[in-house]
Structure formats: structure tokens, C-alpha cells
N, C-alpha and C. Protein backbone atom coordinates (compact mmCIF):
# COMPACT_ATOMS: atom_id res chain seq x y z
N UNK A 1 56.65 57.56 43.65
CA UNK A 1 55.74 57.13 42.60
C UNK A 1 55.44 55.64 42.71
N UNK A 2 56.45 54.87 43.12
CA UNK A 2 56.23 53.43 43.32
C UNK A 2 55.18 53.18 44.39
N UNK A 3 55.24 53.97 45.46
CA UNK A 3 54.28 53.81 46.55
C UNK A 3 52.86 54.12 46.08
N UNK A 4 52.72 55.14 45.24
CA UNK A 4 51.40 55.55 44.74
C UNK A 4 50.81 54.44 43.86
N UNK A 5 51.62 53.95 42.90
CA UNK A 5 51.14 52.91 41.98
C UNK A 5 50.89 51.61 42.74
N UNK A 6 51.80 51.27 43.64
CA UNK A 6 51.63 50.06 44.44
C UNK A 6 50.39 50.13 45.33
N UNK A 7 50.13 51.30 45.89
CA UNK A 7 48.95 51.48 46.73
C UNK A 7 47.66 51.39 45.95
N UNK A 8 47.66 51.90 44.72
CA UNK A 8 46.47 51.83 43.87
C UNK A 8 46.10 50.39 43.55
N UNK A 9 47.11 49.54 43.43
CA UNK A 9 46.87 48.15 43.06
C UNK A 9 47.05 47.17 44.22
N UNK A 10 47.12 47.70 45.43
CA UNK A 10 47.31 46.91 46.65
C UNK A 10 48.51 45.97 46.52
N UNK A 11 49.63 46.53 46.07
CA UNK A 11 50.84 45.74 45.85
C UNK A 11 52.00 46.32 46.65
N UNK A 12 53.01 45.49 46.85
CA UNK A 12 54.22 45.91 47.55
C UNK A 12 55.01 46.86 46.65
N UNK A 13 55.35 48.06 47.11
CA UNK A 13 56.11 48.99 46.27
C UNK A 13 57.48 48.44 45.86
N UNK A 14 58.03 47.54 46.68
CA UNK A 14 59.33 46.96 46.36
C UNK A 14 59.26 46.07 45.11
N UNK A 15 58.09 45.47 44.87
CA UNK A 15 57.92 44.58 43.72
C UNK A 15 57.29 45.29 42.52
N UNK A 16 57.23 46.61 42.57
CA UNK A 16 56.69 47.41 41.48
C UNK A 16 57.85 48.02 40.71
N UNK A 17 57.90 47.77 39.40
CA UNK A 17 58.97 48.30 38.57
C UNK A 17 58.40 49.33 37.61
N UNK A 18 58.93 50.54 37.67
CA UNK A 18 58.51 51.62 36.79
C UNK A 18 59.66 51.94 35.84
N UNK A 19 59.34 52.15 34.56
CA UNK A 19 60.39 52.44 33.58
C UNK A 19 59.80 53.07 32.33
N UNK A 20 60.66 53.60 31.47
CA UNK A 20 60.27 54.12 30.16
C UNK A 20 59.42 55.36 30.20
N UNK A 21 59.73 56.28 31.09
CA UNK A 21 58.91 57.48 31.20
C UNK A 21 59.24 58.50 30.13
N UNK A 22 58.18 59.12 29.59
CA UNK A 22 58.30 60.20 28.62
C UNK A 22 57.45 61.37 29.10
N UNK A 23 58.00 62.56 28.99
CA UNK A 23 57.24 63.75 29.40
C UNK A 23 56.45 64.28 28.22
N UNK A 24 55.26 64.78 28.50
CA UNK A 24 54.44 65.39 27.46
C UNK A 24 54.92 66.83 27.24
N UNK A 25 54.74 67.31 26.03
CA UNK A 25 55.15 68.68 25.71
C UNK A 25 54.36 69.67 26.56
N UNK A 26 55.06 70.60 27.14
CA UNK A 26 54.42 71.59 28.00
C UNK A 26 54.50 71.21 29.47
N UNK A 27 54.86 69.98 29.75
CA UNK A 27 55.03 69.54 31.13
C UNK A 27 53.72 69.21 31.82
N UNK A 28 53.82 68.79 33.05
CA UNK A 28 52.63 68.50 33.84
C UNK A 28 52.11 67.09 33.69
N UNK A 29 52.62 66.35 32.71
CA UNK A 29 52.12 65.00 32.50
C UNK A 29 53.24 64.12 31.95
N UNK A 30 53.37 62.93 32.50
CA UNK A 30 54.35 61.95 32.02
C UNK A 30 53.66 60.61 31.86
N UNK A 31 54.13 59.82 30.91
CA UNK A 31 53.60 58.47 30.73
C UNK A 31 54.76 57.50 30.78
N UNK A 32 54.47 56.29 31.26
CA UNK A 32 55.51 55.27 31.37
C UNK A 32 54.89 53.90 31.55
N UNK A 33 55.75 52.93 31.80
CA UNK A 33 55.31 51.55 31.98
C UNK A 33 55.51 51.12 33.43
N UNK A 34 54.68 50.16 33.85
CA UNK A 34 54.77 49.63 35.20
C UNK A 34 54.52 48.13 35.15
N UNK A 35 55.35 47.38 35.87
CA UNK A 35 55.16 45.94 36.00
C UNK A 35 55.13 45.63 37.48
N UNK A 36 54.11 44.90 37.92
CA UNK A 36 53.99 44.52 39.33
C UNK A 36 54.12 43.01 39.41
N UNK A 37 55.07 42.56 40.23
CA UNK A 37 55.35 41.13 40.36
C UNK A 37 54.71 40.57 41.63
N UNK A 38 54.43 39.26 41.61
CA UNK A 38 53.84 38.59 42.77
C UNK A 38 54.86 38.40 43.88
N UNK A 39 56.10 38.03 43.49
CA UNK A 39 57.14 37.79 44.50
C UNK A 39 58.50 38.16 43.91
N UNK A 40 59.52 38.15 44.77
CA UNK A 40 60.86 38.57 44.35
C UNK A 40 61.49 37.58 43.38
N UNK A 41 61.14 36.29 43.49
CA UNK A 41 61.67 35.28 42.56
C UNK A 41 61.23 35.58 41.14
N UNK A 42 59.97 35.92 40.95
CA UNK A 42 59.46 36.24 39.62
C UNK A 42 60.13 37.51 39.09
N UNK A 43 60.34 38.48 39.97
CA UNK A 43 61.00 39.72 39.59
C UNK A 43 62.41 39.43 39.09
N UNK A 44 63.16 38.64 39.82
CA UNK A 44 64.53 38.31 39.43
C UNK A 44 64.58 37.49 38.14
N UNK A 45 63.56 36.68 37.89
CA UNK A 45 63.53 35.83 36.70
C UNK A 45 63.25 36.62 35.42
N UNK A 46 62.33 37.58 35.49
CA UNK A 46 61.87 38.24 34.28
C UNK A 46 62.46 39.62 34.01
N UNK A 47 62.92 40.31 35.03
CA UNK A 47 63.46 41.66 34.82
C UNK A 47 64.86 41.59 34.23
N UNK A 48 65.21 42.54 33.34
CA UNK A 48 66.57 42.59 32.82
C UNK A 48 67.55 43.01 33.92
N UNK A 49 68.80 42.61 33.75
CA UNK A 49 69.82 42.85 34.77
C UNK A 49 70.01 44.34 35.08
N UNK A 50 69.97 45.17 34.03
CA UNK A 50 70.22 46.59 34.27
C UNK A 50 69.14 47.22 35.15
N UNK A 51 67.90 46.74 35.04
CA UNK A 51 66.84 47.28 35.91
C UNK A 51 66.97 46.74 37.32
N UNK A 52 67.45 45.50 37.47
CA UNK A 52 67.68 44.95 38.81
C UNK A 52 68.78 45.75 39.52
N UNK A 53 69.83 46.10 38.76
CA UNK A 53 70.91 46.91 39.33
C UNK A 53 70.40 48.29 39.72
N UNK A 54 69.57 48.86 38.88
CA UNK A 54 69.02 50.20 39.11
C UNK A 54 68.19 50.26 40.37
N UNK A 55 67.46 49.18 40.66
CA UNK A 55 66.58 49.14 41.82
C UNK A 55 67.27 48.59 43.07
N UNK A 56 68.52 48.13 42.94
CA UNK A 56 69.28 47.66 44.09
C UNK A 56 69.13 46.19 44.43
N UNK A 57 68.55 45.40 43.51
CA UNK A 57 68.43 43.96 43.75
C UNK A 57 69.73 43.24 43.46
N UNK A 58 70.54 43.77 42.55
CA UNK A 58 71.84 43.20 42.21
C UNK A 58 72.85 44.32 42.13
N UNK A 59 74.14 43.94 42.20
CA UNK A 59 75.19 44.93 42.06
C UNK A 59 75.86 44.76 40.71
N UNK A 60 76.23 45.87 40.11
CA UNK A 60 76.88 45.84 38.80
C UNK A 60 78.35 45.53 38.99
N UNK A 61 78.84 44.58 38.19
CA UNK A 61 80.26 44.23 38.25
C UNK A 61 81.04 45.29 37.48
N UNK A 62 81.92 45.99 38.18
CA UNK A 62 82.69 47.07 37.54
C UNK A 62 83.77 46.47 36.65
N UNK A 63 83.80 46.93 35.41
CA UNK A 63 84.81 46.49 34.46
C UNK A 63 85.31 47.72 33.73
N UNK A 64 86.60 47.74 33.45
CA UNK A 64 87.11 48.89 32.72
C UNK A 64 86.72 48.79 31.25
N UNK A 65 86.63 49.92 30.62
CA UNK A 65 86.26 49.99 29.21
C UNK A 65 87.26 49.22 28.35
N UNK A 66 88.52 49.28 28.75
CA UNK A 66 89.58 48.63 27.97
C UNK A 66 89.43 47.11 27.96
N UNK A 67 89.12 46.50 29.12
CA UNK A 67 88.99 45.05 29.16
C UNK A 67 87.78 44.56 28.36
N UNK A 68 86.70 45.35 28.34
CA UNK A 68 85.53 45.00 27.54
C UNK A 68 85.89 45.00 26.07
N UNK A 69 86.62 46.03 25.63
CA UNK A 69 87.02 46.14 24.23
C UNK A 69 88.02 45.05 23.84
N UNK A 70 88.94 44.71 24.76
CA UNK A 70 89.90 43.64 24.47
C UNK A 70 89.19 42.31 24.29
N UNK A 71 88.20 42.02 25.12
CA UNK A 71 87.43 40.78 25.00
C UNK A 71 86.68 40.74 23.67
N UNK A 72 86.11 41.87 23.28
CA UNK A 72 85.38 41.95 22.01
C UNK A 72 86.32 41.69 20.84
N UNK A 73 87.49 42.33 20.84
CA UNK A 73 88.43 42.20 19.72
C UNK A 73 89.04 40.80 19.66
N UNK A 74 89.24 40.18 20.80
CA UNK A 74 89.77 38.82 20.82
C UNK A 74 88.77 37.86 20.17
N UNK A 75 87.51 38.09 20.41
CA UNK A 75 86.47 37.27 19.79
C UNK A 75 86.36 37.49 18.30
N UNK A 76 86.70 38.70 17.84
CA UNK A 76 86.60 39.01 16.41
C UNK A 76 87.72 38.40 15.59
N UNK A 77 88.86 38.10 16.21
CA UNK A 77 90.01 37.60 15.45
C UNK A 77 89.82 36.17 14.96
N UNK A 78 88.99 35.38 15.60
CA UNK A 78 88.80 33.99 15.23
C UNK A 78 87.58 33.85 14.34
N UNK A 79 87.73 33.07 13.25
CA UNK A 79 86.63 32.87 12.31
C UNK A 79 86.11 31.45 12.39
N UNK A 80 84.92 31.24 11.87
CA UNK A 80 84.36 29.89 11.76
C UNK A 80 83.66 29.43 13.01
N UNK A 81 83.62 28.09 13.18
CA UNK A 81 82.85 27.50 14.28
C UNK A 81 83.48 27.74 15.63
N UNK A 82 84.78 28.01 15.67
CA UNK A 82 85.46 28.25 16.95
C UNK A 82 85.22 29.64 17.50
N UNK A 83 84.53 30.49 16.74
CA UNK A 83 84.35 31.88 17.16
C UNK A 83 83.51 31.99 18.43
N UNK A 84 82.43 31.21 18.51
CA UNK A 84 81.57 31.30 19.70
C UNK A 84 82.30 30.82 20.95
N UNK A 85 83.12 29.79 20.79
CA UNK A 85 83.90 29.28 21.93
C UNK A 85 84.92 30.33 22.36
N UNK A 86 85.57 30.97 21.38
CA UNK A 86 86.57 31.99 21.69
C UNK A 86 85.93 33.20 22.37
N UNK A 87 84.74 33.59 21.92
CA UNK A 87 84.05 34.72 22.54
C UNK A 87 83.72 34.41 23.99
N UNK A 88 83.30 33.17 24.23
CA UNK A 88 82.98 32.75 25.59
C UNK A 88 84.23 32.81 26.47
N UNK A 89 85.36 32.31 25.94
CA UNK A 89 86.61 32.33 26.71
C UNK A 89 87.08 33.76 26.97
N UNK A 90 86.94 34.63 25.97
CA UNK A 90 87.35 36.02 26.12
C UNK A 90 86.50 36.73 27.16
N UNK A 91 85.21 36.42 27.16
CA UNK A 91 84.30 37.03 28.12
C UNK A 91 84.65 36.60 29.55
N UNK A 92 84.97 35.31 29.70
CA UNK A 92 85.36 34.82 31.02
C UNK A 92 86.67 35.42 31.48
N UNK A 93 87.61 35.57 30.55
CA UNK A 93 88.91 36.16 30.89
C UNK A 93 88.73 37.62 31.31
N UNK A 94 87.86 38.34 30.64
CA UNK A 94 87.60 39.74 31.00
C UNK A 94 86.94 39.83 32.37
N UNK A 95 86.07 38.86 32.68
CA UNK A 95 85.40 38.83 33.98
C UNK A 95 86.34 38.51 35.13
N UNK A 96 87.41 37.79 34.84
CA UNK A 96 88.37 37.40 35.87
C UNK A 96 89.25 38.57 36.31
N UNK A 97 89.38 39.59 35.43
CA UNK A 97 90.24 40.74 35.76
C UNK A 97 89.72 41.55 36.89
């Protein structure tokens, strides 16, 4: 589908991002969104990380569910102005695991 849309607009299929598809009732027709970028730098700047991972531009850092939850709970225990600093530290600690 990327090749078809890219060909219609004389664009590189690699720089064409398709997402948000919905099927019509009864089948035979789907609608979705498409974004075509000029270059890879623009694509990396504006696309969300999960779509970059999906298309193979970046790799997802594997983290266990437990470490994500521990980082979240550690951030919740601190109140006030130090909370944002603690959340940042907890996030970094979870990333180091």
C-alpha cells in the first residue's frame, strides 16, 4: 500500500507513513491517514516514536512491566516540587536496568 500511495504522489515509499485505518461496514473499503515526508530527518523529527519503531527506523528498548511500574510508584511517593525531579531519576533508574 505504501508503494501505491508513494507512486501516486511521486514519493519514496520509505518516507510514506500510513496509519489509523478503519474498515467500512461490509468490507471492500478502508480509510486511513497518510503523511509523506521530504527526507528522513523530517520523518524522525515529527513522527512519534511508536510509529518509528513500527516502521523499523528505531528499535524499541525492552523493559519489563515490573520496572516500569516500580519507576511510576517511586515517582508517586514524593510530593511537592521535588516530584518532577524524582520522576526523572526513577525513569533513568528504570532505563539503566
